[in-house]
Amino acid sequence: MDSKEADNLEATEPKAGLRELFSYLRGHSRVLIIVVVISIFGAALSLAQPVMVNRVITAVGVGEAISGSVIVLVALVIGSGLLGALQQYLLERTAEGVVLDARRRLLHSL
């Protein structure tokens, strides 16, 4: 394909701006806000894990009991995993909803 054909192809393709793309997300804004909140909490849990690993290592080095720190560390790992799974589920469900809305708009315009 030479440059003239590429220019003609680009000229015939409709251009969608961000405004048009964001219009598909309007009906899903509540779920997307929940996903952002879950993402923030998941990041906080992920950041807390190295701190707890440090506490466990320090406690082992000093000879203190580590059961409490290990329980908290396990809870952080499980909580982070559950929040990540919930976030992924909500994002996938929202993506399917956006595709469904796009199909409905297309059918309505046809």
Foldseek 3Di string as FASTA:
>chain_A
DDPVVVVVVVVPDDDDDVVNVCVLCVVVVVLVVVLVVLVVVLVVLVVCLVVLVVVQVVCVVVVHDNVVSVVSNVVSVVSSVVSVVVSVVSVVVSVVSSVVVVVVVVVVVD
